[in-house]
Amino acid sequence: MNPEPIEVRAGTEASLDPLAPAAVFTAATNEPAEPEATDVTAQEPTAEGLQQQLDAAAVAAASAAEGRAPVVTRPPSYETPRRYTARFAIAYLSLAGVFIAAVAGLIVLVIQPGVQKAAPWSTWKPPSGSTASMETAIANHVAAEYHLNKSGAQLVGVVAEAPTVTSGTHKVTISEVAVRKTPTSNTNIAFYATTGTWTDEFCGLGPSCAISTGQSTVMRGRLVRREALEVALYTFKFAPAINSLVTFMPPPPGETASTLLYFQKSDLTHQLSEPLDKTLTLTKPPLPTASDKSEAATIDRLTLPVFYTYSLAQLQDGSAALVLDPIEASA
């Protein structure tokens, strides 16, 4: 390849040395530009590098001859590597925040008191089993808590069984309960089948199940009704098959049994939804001679409306209907 002639203008000299670096001129003045600093420690040029320099010199000379700005061949530029310092910093800060929150949560769980569980309905409950076995367990447990005197004699015994009543010397099955709105009235009588009904017989040690010792007083009568209420609450809470309870009460001395309490589960919904000690607030039942002012109003409110005298009506199938007349407690 023969290089083209190079025109030399006044004031400039052109080197014909092919190994000399190509002259670089500015476009405006056609004056030679200041040479760029070179690395004196560069390695010896290779054959390929020398050929590139010759080509560049030829192009520069041609450009100068035509009055054009020389084409400057620059080495390829490389993009400065991106730095992700800020992003990594944000990520590390986020992880640190999560770690701190986790540690704080653990500390709170360790330090703060445990979550309070709902209070149990009662401190005792009957063992699981049949309706009969649970009712017997409830009757025995509650009866043992009520005493006739300071010596610890039991107030009454409690016999739990399916709906029956003693008529003379025979047990008669009760198939219906008839509740009068007013005593001896034959209008507006409500009839209830005894499906889901159970009976408890409260019996003292005297004749006809009367309480044999002590005075028959209002306080003692209320105490017996308190015991009946407690049995009913335990029954409705833990024996799901039972929705009504007939409790035969002991008669005053010298009389025959004629009164009962007829509890229905639907009447005690509120009391069953809160712990037992919210209804019966005393830790232990009082004695028949002790004051019961703290519980008297509650016991009367929950038992007097369901306190009845009763009689039996023979039905055609040989079973009996228990006919109830409302009364007020007097003993």
Protein backbone atom coordinates (compact mmCIF):
# COMPACT_ATOMS: atom_id res chain seq x y z
CA MET A 1 0.00 0.00 0.00
CA ASN A 2 1.54 3.34 -1.13
CA PRO A 3 0.72 6.29 1.09
CA GLU A 4 -0.69 9.35 -0.64
CA PRO A 5 1.51 12.52 -0.87
CA ILE A 6 1.40 14.73 2.16
CA GLU A 7 0.99 18.45 1.71
CA VAL A 8 3.20 20.48 3.99
CA ARG A 9 1.91 23.93 4.87
CA ALA A 10 3.91 26.84 6.10
CA GLY A 11 4.88 26.70 9.68
CA THR A 12 4.51 22.91 9.91
CA GLU A 13 6.71 19.97 9.25
CA ALA A 14 5.53 16.58 8.36
CA SER A 15 7.53 13.53 9.24
CA LEU A 16 7.96 10.97 6.60
CA ASP A 17 9.03 8.43 9.14
CA PRO A 18 6.40 5.70 8.94
CA LEU A 19 7.13 4.73 12.51
CA ALA A 20 6.50 8.21 13.85
CA PRO A 21 3.11 8.83 15.46
CA ALA A 22 0.52 10.46 13.24
CA ALA A 23 0.15 14.24 13.53
CA VAL A 24 -3.09 15.37 15.02
CA PHE A 25 -4.51 18.78 13.95
CA THR A 26 -7.32 20.82 15.36
CA ALA A 27 -10.23 21.51 13.07
CA ALA A 28 -10.35 25.25 13.69
CA THR A 29 -6.68 26.34 13.34
CA ASN A 30 -5.18 23.43 11.55
CA GLU A 31 -2.51 23.64 14.25
CA PRO A 32 -1.01 20.54 15.68
CA ALA A 33 -2.72 19.49 18.91
CA GLU A 34 -0.83 18.93 22.09
CA PRO A 35 0.25 15.36 22.20
CA GLU A 36 -1.41 13.22 24.85
CA ALA A 37 0.73 11.84 27.58
CA THR A 38 1.83 8.34 26.91
CA ASP A 39 2.84 5.59 29.20
CA VAL A 40 6.64 5.36 28.97
CA THR A 41 6.42 1.96 30.49
CA ALA A 42 4.40 0.60 27.53
CA GLN A 43 5.61 -2.58 25.92
CA GLU A 44 7.30 -2.69 22.48
CA PRO A 45 4.71 -2.44 19.66
CA THR A 46 3.83 -5.61 17.81
CA ALA A 47 3.67 -5.99 14.01
CA GLU A 48 -0.08 -5.60 14.14
CA GLY A 49 0.25 -2.44 16.23
CA LEU A 50 2.78 -0.96 13.77
CA GLN A 51 0.44 -1.58 10.86
CA GLN A 52 -2.38 0.16 12.73
CA GLN A 53 -0.11 3.17 13.34
CA LEU A 54 0.83 3.36 9.62
CA ASP A 55 -2.82 3.27 8.62
CA ALA A 56 -3.67 5.95 11.15
CA ALA A 57 -0.82 8.18 9.88
CA ALA A 58 -1.98 7.83 6.32
CA VAL A 59 -5.55 8.74 7.23
CA ALA A 60 -4.39 11.75 9.23
CA ALA A 61 -2.18 13.01 6.36
CA ALA A 62 -5.03 12.67 3.87
CA SER A 63 -7.36 14.56 6.16
CA ALA A 64 -4.81 17.37 6.55
CA ALA A 65 -4.33 17.62 2.78
CA GLU A 66 -8.06 18.01 2.21
CA GLY A 67 -8.45 20.58 4.96
CA ARG A 68 -10.60 18.29 7.10
CA ALA A 69 -10.18 17.57 10.73
CA PRO A 70 -8.19 14.46 11.16
CA VAL A 71 -9.92 11.35 12.31
CA VAL A 72 -8.59 10.36 15.63
CA THR A 73 -8.72 6.71 16.40
CA ARG A 74 -9.22 6.14 20.07
CA PRO A 75 -9.08 2.87 21.87
CA PRO A 76 -12.46 1.41 22.75
CA SER A 77 -13.85 2.73 25.96
CA TYR A 78 -15.19 0.42 28.64
CA GLU A 79 -18.15 1.27 30.87
CA THR A 80 -17.19 1.81 34.42
CA PRO A 81 -18.56 -1.11 36.46
CA ARG A 82 -21.73 -0.16 38.34
CA ARG A 83 -21.61 -0.15 42.07
CA TYR A 84 -24.59 -1.44 44.07
CA THR A 85 -23.40 -0.26 47.45
CA ALA A 86 -26.63 1.63 48.24
CA ARG A 87 -28.84 -1.30 47.35
CA PHE A 88 -26.81 -3.71 49.45
CA ALA A 89 -26.93 -1.24 52.32
CA ILE A 90 -30.72 -1.05 52.13
CA ALA A 91 -31.00 -4.84 52.01
CA TYR A 92 -28.73 -5.25 55.04
CA LEU A 93 -30.64 -2.60 56.95
CA SER A 94 -33.92 -4.38 56.18
CA LEU A 95 -32.54 -7.70 57.42
CA ALA A 96 -31.24 -6.01 60.53
CA GLY A 97 -34.70 -4.53 61.16
CA VAL A 98 -36.36 -7.94 60.84
CA PHE A 99 -33.82 -9.48 63.20
CA ILE A 100 -34.32 -6.76 65.80
CA ALA A 101 -38.12 -7.12 65.59
CA ALA A 102 -37.86 -10.89 66.04
CA VAL A 103 -35.62 -10.51 69.08
CA ALA A 104 -37.93 -7.89 70.57
CA GLY A 105 -40.94 -10.16 70.04
CA LEU A 106 -39.15 -13.04 71.74
CA ILE A 107 -38.26 -10.83 74.70
CA VAL A 108 -41.88 -9.70 75.05
CA LEU A 109 -43.11 -13.29 75.00
CA VAL A 110 -40.59 -14.31 77.64
CA ILE A 111 -41.06 -11.33 79.93
CA GLN A 112 -44.80 -10.69 79.78
CA PRO A 113 -47.17 -12.85 81.86
CA GLY A 114 -48.73 -15.78 80.06
CA VAL A 115 -52.05 -15.28 78.32
CA GLN A 116 -54.76 -15.82 80.87
CA LYS A 117 -56.95 -18.79 80.07
CA ALA A 118 -60.66 -18.63 80.72
CA ALA A 119 -61.48 -19.61 84.29
CA PRO A 120 -62.99 -23.11 84.58
CA TRP A 121 -66.69 -23.27 85.32
CA SER A 122 -65.98 -25.22 88.49
CA THR A 123 -63.04 -26.81 90.29
CA TRP A 124 -64.74 -30.20 90.10
CA LYS A 125 -66.62 -32.06 87.39
CA PRO A 126 -68.09 -35.53 87.23
CA PRO A 127 -66.21 -38.34 85.48
CA SER A 128 -67.38 -38.96 81.91
CA GLY A 129 -69.88 -41.78 81.56
CA SER A 130 -73.56 -42.49 81.16
CA THR A 131 -76.20 -40.03 82.23
CA ALA A 132 -77.02 -42.17 85.25
CA SER A 133 -73.40 -42.45 86.38
CA MET A 134 -72.75 -38.72 85.99
CA GLU A 135 -75.93 -37.84 87.87
CA THR A 136 -75.01 -40.18 90.71
CA ALA A 137 -71.52 -38.64 90.90
CA ILE A 138 -72.99 -35.13 90.98
CA ALA A 139 -75.53 -36.04 93.67
CA ASN A 140 -72.87 -37.63 95.90
CA HIS A 141 -70.39 -34.79 95.44
CA VAL A 142 -72.83 -31.98 96.22
CA ALA A 143 -74.55 -33.79 99.11
CA ALA A 144 -71.23 -34.31 100.89
CA GLU A 145 -70.67 -30.51 100.97
CA TYR A 146 -73.85 -29.68 102.98
CA HIS A 147 -73.90 -30.28 106.72
CA LEU A 148 -76.65 -30.29 109.29
CA ASN A 149 -74.45 -29.15 112.18
CA LYS A 150 -70.88 -28.43 113.22
CA SER A 151 -70.22 -32.10 113.84
CA GLY A 152 -70.43 -32.67 110.08
CA ALA A 153 -73.66 -34.68 109.81
CA GLN A 154 -74.95 -34.61 106.24
CA LEU A 155 -77.96 -32.36 105.63
CA VAL A 156 -79.81 -34.74 103.28
CA GLY A 157 -79.09 -37.72 101.08
CA VAL A 158 -79.64 -37.34 97.32
CA VAL A 159 -80.95 -40.18 95.16
CA ALA A 160 -80.71 -39.59 91.40
CA GLU A 161 -82.76 -41.66 88.97
CA ALA A 162 -84.88 -41.63 85.82
CA PRO A 163 -88.30 -39.92 86.07
CA THR A 164 -90.19 -41.91 88.71
CA VAL A 165 -92.12 -41.13 91.87
CA THR A 166 -92.97 -43.20 94.90
CA SER A 167 -96.70 -43.87 95.27
CA GLY A 168 -97.31 -45.79 98.45
CA THR A 169 -94.86 -48.66 98.21
CA HIS A 170 -94.50 -48.55 94.41
CA LYS A 171 -92.36 -46.60 91.98
CA VAL A 172 -94.45 -45.06 89.22
CA THR A 173 -92.95 -43.87 85.92
CA ILE A 174 -93.56 -40.20 85.19
CA SER A 175 -94.24 -39.57 81.50
CA GLU A 176 -95.66 -36.02 81.65
CA VAL A 177 -95.23 -32.93 83.77
CA ALA A 178 -98.26 -30.64 83.90
CA VAL A 179 -97.56 -27.14 85.23
CA ARG A 180 -100.42 -24.92 86.32
CA LYS A 181 -100.00 -21.17 86.03
CA THR A 182 -102.11 -20.61 89.14
CA PRO A 183 -102.85 -23.09 91.95
CA THR A 184 -105.68 -25.58 91.29
CA SER A 185 -106.57 -23.90 87.98
CA ASN A 186 -107.43 -26.18 85.07
CA THR A 187 -106.79 -23.50 82.44
CA ASN A 188 -103.49 -22.56 80.81
CA ILE A 189 -101.78 -25.79 81.89
CA ALA A 190 -98.40 -26.39 80.25
CA PHE A 191 -97.51 -30.03 79.52
CA TYR A 192 -93.91 -31.23 79.20
CA ALA A 193 -92.82 -34.71 78.14
CA THR A 194 -90.20 -36.21 80.41
CA THR A 195 -87.76 -36.94 77.58
CA GLY A 196 -84.52 -35.38 78.81
CA THR A 197 -85.84 -35.17 82.39
CA TRP A 198 -84.15 -36.59 85.49
CA THR A 199 -85.24 -36.72 89.12
CA ASP A 200 -83.39 -36.20 92.41
CA GLU A 201 -84.97 -37.16 95.74
CA PHE A 202 -83.67 -35.18 98.72
CA CYS A 203 -84.20 -37.31 101.79
CA GLY A 204 -83.45 -36.69 105.46
CA LEU A 205 -83.07 -39.45 108.04
CA GLY A 206 -86.54 -38.95 109.57
CA PRO A 207 -89.89 -40.50 108.57
CA SER A 208 -91.04 -39.71 104.99
CA CYS A 209 -87.51 -38.37 104.27
CA ALA A 210 -87.94 -35.51 106.77
CA ILE A 211 -84.84 -33.96 108.34
CA SER A 212 -84.89 -35.57 111.76
CA THR A 213 -83.00 -33.07 113.89
CA GLY A 214 -82.87 -29.32 114.26
CA GLN A 215 -85.46 -26.62 113.69
CA SER A 216 -87.40 -26.29 110.43
CA THR A 217 -86.63 -22.64 109.61
CA VAL A 218 -86.64 -20.34 106.60
CA MET A 219 -82.84 -20.40 106.52
CA ARG A 220 -82.76 -24.21 106.55
CA GLY A 221 -85.38 -24.36 103.82
CA ARG A 222 -83.31 -21.92 101.73
CA LEU A 223 -80.18 -24.01 102.34
CA VAL A 224 -81.92 -27.12 100.97
CA ARG A 225 -83.01 -25.11 97.92
CA ARG A 226 -79.40 -23.89 97.51
CA GLU A 227 -78.26 -27.51 97.41
CA ALA A 228 -80.94 -28.35 94.84
CA LEU A 229 -79.85 -25.37 92.71
CA GLU A 230 -76.20 -26.48 92.81
CA VAL A 231 -77.13 -30.02 91.73
CA ALA A 232 -79.19 -28.59 88.88
CA LEU A 233 -76.36 -26.36 87.68
CA TYR A 234 -73.85 -29.23 87.69
CA THR A 235 -76.38 -31.44 85.90
CA PHE A 236 -77.12 -28.97 83.08
CA LYS A 237 -73.42 -28.12 82.70
CA PHE A 238 -72.03 -31.64 82.45
CA ALA A 239 -74.91 -33.95 81.50
CA PRO A 240 -75.95 -32.79 78.00
CA ALA A 241 -78.81 -35.29 77.67
CA ILE A 242 -80.72 -33.62 80.52
CA ASN A 243 -82.71 -30.42 79.97
CA SER A 244 -85.02 -30.50 83.00
CA LEU A 245 -84.68 -31.70 86.57
CA VAL A 246 -87.35 -32.58 89.15
CA THR A 247 -86.06 -32.33 92.73
CA PHE A 248 -88.32 -33.79 95.44
CA MET A 249 -87.82 -31.84 98.67
CA PRO A 250 -87.83 -33.28 102.21
CA PRO A 251 -91.04 -32.49 104.13
CA PRO A 252 -91.19 -30.73 107.50
CA PRO A 253 -91.12 -33.19 110.43
CA GLY A 254 -94.41 -35.05 110.84
CA GLU A 255 -95.58 -34.37 107.27
CA THR A 256 -95.40 -36.28 104.02
CA ALA A 257 -93.44 -35.16 100.99
CA SER A 258 -95.46 -32.82 98.81
CA THR A 259 -93.11 -30.19 97.36
CA LEU A 260 -90.51 -30.12 94.60
CA LEU A 261 -88.41 -27.83 92.44
CA TYR A 262 -88.82 -28.09 88.67
CA PHE A 263 -85.67 -26.72 87.01
CA GLN A 264 -85.41 -26.19 83.27
CA LYS A 265 -82.06 -25.66 81.59
CA SER A 266 -83.38 -22.76 79.51
CA ASP A 267 -84.08 -20.79 82.73
CA LEU A 268 -80.43 -21.01 83.85
CA THR A 269 -78.62 -20.09 80.62
CA HIS A 270 -76.90 -17.07 82.17
CA GLN A 271 -75.70 -18.98 85.24
CA LEU A 272 -74.31 -21.77 83.04
CA SER A 273 -72.33 -19.27 80.94
CA GLU A 274 -70.23 -18.01 83.87
CA PRO A 275 -68.28 -19.77 86.62
CA LEU A 276 -70.29 -21.41 89.38
CA ASP A 277 -68.80 -19.14 92.05
CA LYS A 278 -70.40 -16.15 90.33
CA THR A 279 -73.80 -17.59 91.26
CA LEU A 280 -73.00 -19.32 94.56
CA THR A 281 -70.36 -16.99 95.95
CA LEU A 282 -69.62 -18.72 99.27
CA THR A 283 -66.65 -21.08 99.22
CA LYS A 284 -68.54 -23.55 101.42
CA PRO A 285 -72.27 -23.85 102.05
CA PRO A 286 -73.31 -22.32 105.38
CA LEU A 287 -74.83 -24.29 108.22
CA PRO A 288 -78.65 -24.15 108.61
CA THR A 289 -78.23 -21.76 111.55
CA ALA A 290 -75.77 -19.39 109.84
CA SER A 291 -76.72 -16.13 108.16
CA ASP A 292 -77.03 -16.39 104.38
CA LYS A 293 -77.49 -12.71 103.51
CA SER A 294 -74.86 -12.70 100.76
CA GLU A 295 -76.68 -15.38 98.73
CA ALA A 296 -80.28 -15.22 99.93
CA ALA A 297 -81.56 -12.97 97.13
CA THR A 298 -79.92 -15.06 94.40
CA ILE A 299 -81.20 -18.35 95.80
CA ASP A 300 -84.75 -17.02 96.19
CA ARG A 301 -84.74 -15.49 92.70
CA LEU A 302 -83.67 -18.74 91.04
CA THR A 303 -85.67 -21.25 93.11
CA LEU A 304 -88.91 -19.71 94.38
CA PRO A 305 -90.44 -19.30 90.87
CA VAL A 306 -89.95 -23.06 90.27
CA PHE A 307 -91.12 -24.23 93.72
CA TYR A 308 -94.33 -26.30 93.54
CA THR A 309 -96.58 -28.64 95.39
CA TYR A 310 -97.32 -31.75 93.39
CA SER A 311 -99.88 -34.47 92.94
CA LEU A 312 -100.11 -37.47 90.64
CA ALA A 313 -102.65 -38.13 87.90
CA GLN A 314 -102.96 -41.65 86.56
CA LEU A 315 -102.69 -41.92 82.76
CA GLN A 316 -104.28 -44.61 80.60
CA ASP A 317 -100.96 -46.30 79.83
CA GLY A 318 -100.32 -46.85 83.55
CA SER A 319 -97.77 -44.06 83.84
CA ALA A 320 -98.34 -40.91 85.81
CA ALA A 321 -98.51 -37.22 85.10
CA LEU A 322 -96.88 -35.02 87.70
CA VAL A 323 -99.24 -32.08 88.29
CA LEU A 324 -97.52 -28.98 89.70
CA ASP A 325 -99.07 -26.03 91.55
CA PRO A 326 -96.90 -22.94 92.26
CA ILE A 327 -96.21 -22.03 95.92
CA GLU A 328 -93.90 -19.91 98.03
CA ALA A 329 -91.23 -21.58 100.17
CA SER A 330 -91.95 -21.60 103.88
CA ALA A 331 -89.56 -24.23 105.24
